[in-house]
Amino acid sequence: MWLLGGVWTSNLLWSLSGGPRWLGELRVDIPGISAKMLSVRLKEMEEKGVVVRTVLATSPPSAEYSLSPLGLELLPAIEAIAKIGYWLNMQQGDGRK
């Protein structure tokens, strides 16, 4: 669970599941996250070995973020959580609790 802990972590994993993304793309994918929080969370995930940061030789330099093999291993757990959330939402929509 220490890999998935933290606000925005699951959102970032979900966004990166579609392939490598730039910082600006991640901000669009995840409305509400501040630039500072996004940078902090990506750095933490990189340190844990979940995300890979690749610096591109562009002018100005830019970085691309992608899931590491460990990050890819976490996707089934994120998908299961999303599935349960969807199911619970449907149940509440029907008036059941």
Protein backbone atom coordinates (compact mmCIF):
# COMPACT_ATOMS: atom_id res chain seq x y z
CA MET A 1 0.00 0.00 0.00
CA TRP A 2 2.96 2.38 0.47
CA LEU A 3 3.24 2.43 -3.33
CA LEU A 4 -0.36 3.57 -3.78
CA GLY A 5 -0.52 5.92 -0.80
CA GLY A 6 -0.89 9.62 -1.25
CA VAL A 7 -3.40 11.94 -2.80
CA TRP A 8 -3.42 11.87 -6.63
CA THR A 9 -1.30 8.69 -6.91
CA SER A 10 -4.09 6.57 -8.37
CA ASN A 11 -5.04 9.40 -10.74
CA LEU A 12 -1.45 9.61 -11.99
CA LEU A 13 -1.21 5.86 -12.46
CA TRP A 14 -4.45 5.91 -14.42
CA SER A 15 -3.29 8.78 -16.63
CA LEU A 16 0.07 7.14 -17.30
CA SER A 17 -1.56 3.80 -18.11
CA GLY A 18 -2.26 5.14 -21.61
CA GLY A 19 1.44 5.68 -22.29
CA PRO A 20 4.09 8.32 -21.72
CA ARG A 21 2.87 11.82 -20.90
CA TRP A 22 4.39 15.27 -20.53
CA LEU A 23 3.86 17.32 -17.39
CA GLY A 24 1.39 19.63 -19.14
CA GLU A 25 -0.64 16.69 -20.40
CA LEU A 26 -0.89 15.29 -16.89
CA ARG A 27 -2.19 18.64 -15.60
CA VAL A 28 -4.94 18.53 -18.24
CA ASP A 29 -5.71 14.88 -17.45
CA ILE A 30 -6.05 15.58 -13.72
CA PRO A 31 -8.04 18.76 -13.14
CA GLY A 32 -7.62 20.18 -9.66
CA ILE A 33 -4.04 19.11 -9.07
CA SER A 34 -1.63 21.99 -8.55
CA ALA A 35 1.65 22.18 -10.44
CA LYS A 36 3.56 21.84 -7.17
CA MET A 37 1.60 18.78 -6.02
CA LEU A 38 2.00 17.16 -9.43
CA SER A 39 5.77 17.65 -9.33
CA VAL A 40 6.03 16.39 -5.75
CA ARG A 41 3.90 13.32 -6.41
CA LEU A 42 5.78 12.43 -9.62
CA LYS A 43 9.11 12.75 -7.82
CA GLU A 44 7.91 10.49 -4.99
CA MET A 45 6.62 7.93 -7.47
CA GLU A 46 9.92 8.06 -9.35
CA GLU A 47 11.84 7.48 -6.10
CA LYS A 48 9.62 4.47 -5.32
CA GLY A 49 10.34 3.03 -8.77
CA VAL A 50 6.78 3.36 -10.06
CA VAL A 51 7.41 6.12 -12.62
CA VAL A 52 10.26 6.68 -15.06
CA ARG A 53 11.26 10.24 -15.95
CA THR A 54 12.96 10.65 -19.31
CA VAL A 55 14.57 13.99 -20.10
CA LEU A 56 14.18 14.84 -23.78
CA ALA A 57 16.79 16.77 -25.72
CA THR A 58 14.52 19.59 -26.78
CA SER A 59 14.84 23.33 -26.53
CA PRO A 60 13.88 24.10 -23.82
CA PRO A 61 14.53 20.69 -22.21
CA SER A 62 11.41 18.77 -21.32
CA ALA A 63 10.64 15.53 -19.52
CA GLU A 64 8.31 12.69 -20.29
CA TYR A 65 6.83 10.44 -17.62
CA SER A 66 5.88 6.80 -18.03
CA LEU A 67 5.14 3.80 -15.86
CA SER A 68 8.00 1.51 -14.90
CA PRO A 69 7.51 -2.26 -14.96
CA LEU A 70 6.51 -1.98 -11.28
CA GLY A 71 4.01 0.75 -12.15
CA LEU A 72 2.50 -1.47 -14.84
CA GLU A 73 2.11 -4.24 -12.24
CA LEU A 74 -0.06 -1.89 -10.16
CA LEU A 75 -2.60 -1.26 -12.93
CA PRO A 76 -4.79 -4.31 -12.21
CA ALA A 77 -5.23 -3.08 -8.62
CA ILE A 78 -6.21 0.41 -9.84
CA GLU A 79 -8.62 -1.10 -12.36
CA ALA A 80 -10.21 -3.26 -9.63
CA ILE A 81 -10.67 -0.23 -7.37
CA ALA A 82 -12.23 1.74 -10.25
CA LYS A 83 -14.56 -1.16 -11.02
CA ILE A 84 -15.75 -1.35 -7.42
CA GLY A 85 -16.24 2.43 -7.32
CA TYR A 86 -18.32 2.25 -10.49
CA TRP A 87 -20.39 -0.59 -9.05
CA LEU A 88 -20.99 1.30 -5.78
CA ASN A 89 -21.97 4.41 -7.71
CA MET A 90 -24.48 2.42 -9.75
CA GLN A 91 -25.94 0.90 -6.57
CA GLN A 92 -26.40 4.31 -4.98
CA GLY A 93 -27.95 5.60 -8.19
CA ASP A 94 -30.58 2.88 -7.92
CA GLY A 95 -31.48 4.03 -4.41
CA ARG A 96 -29.80 1.07 -2.76
CA LYS A 97 -27.06 1.35 -0.15
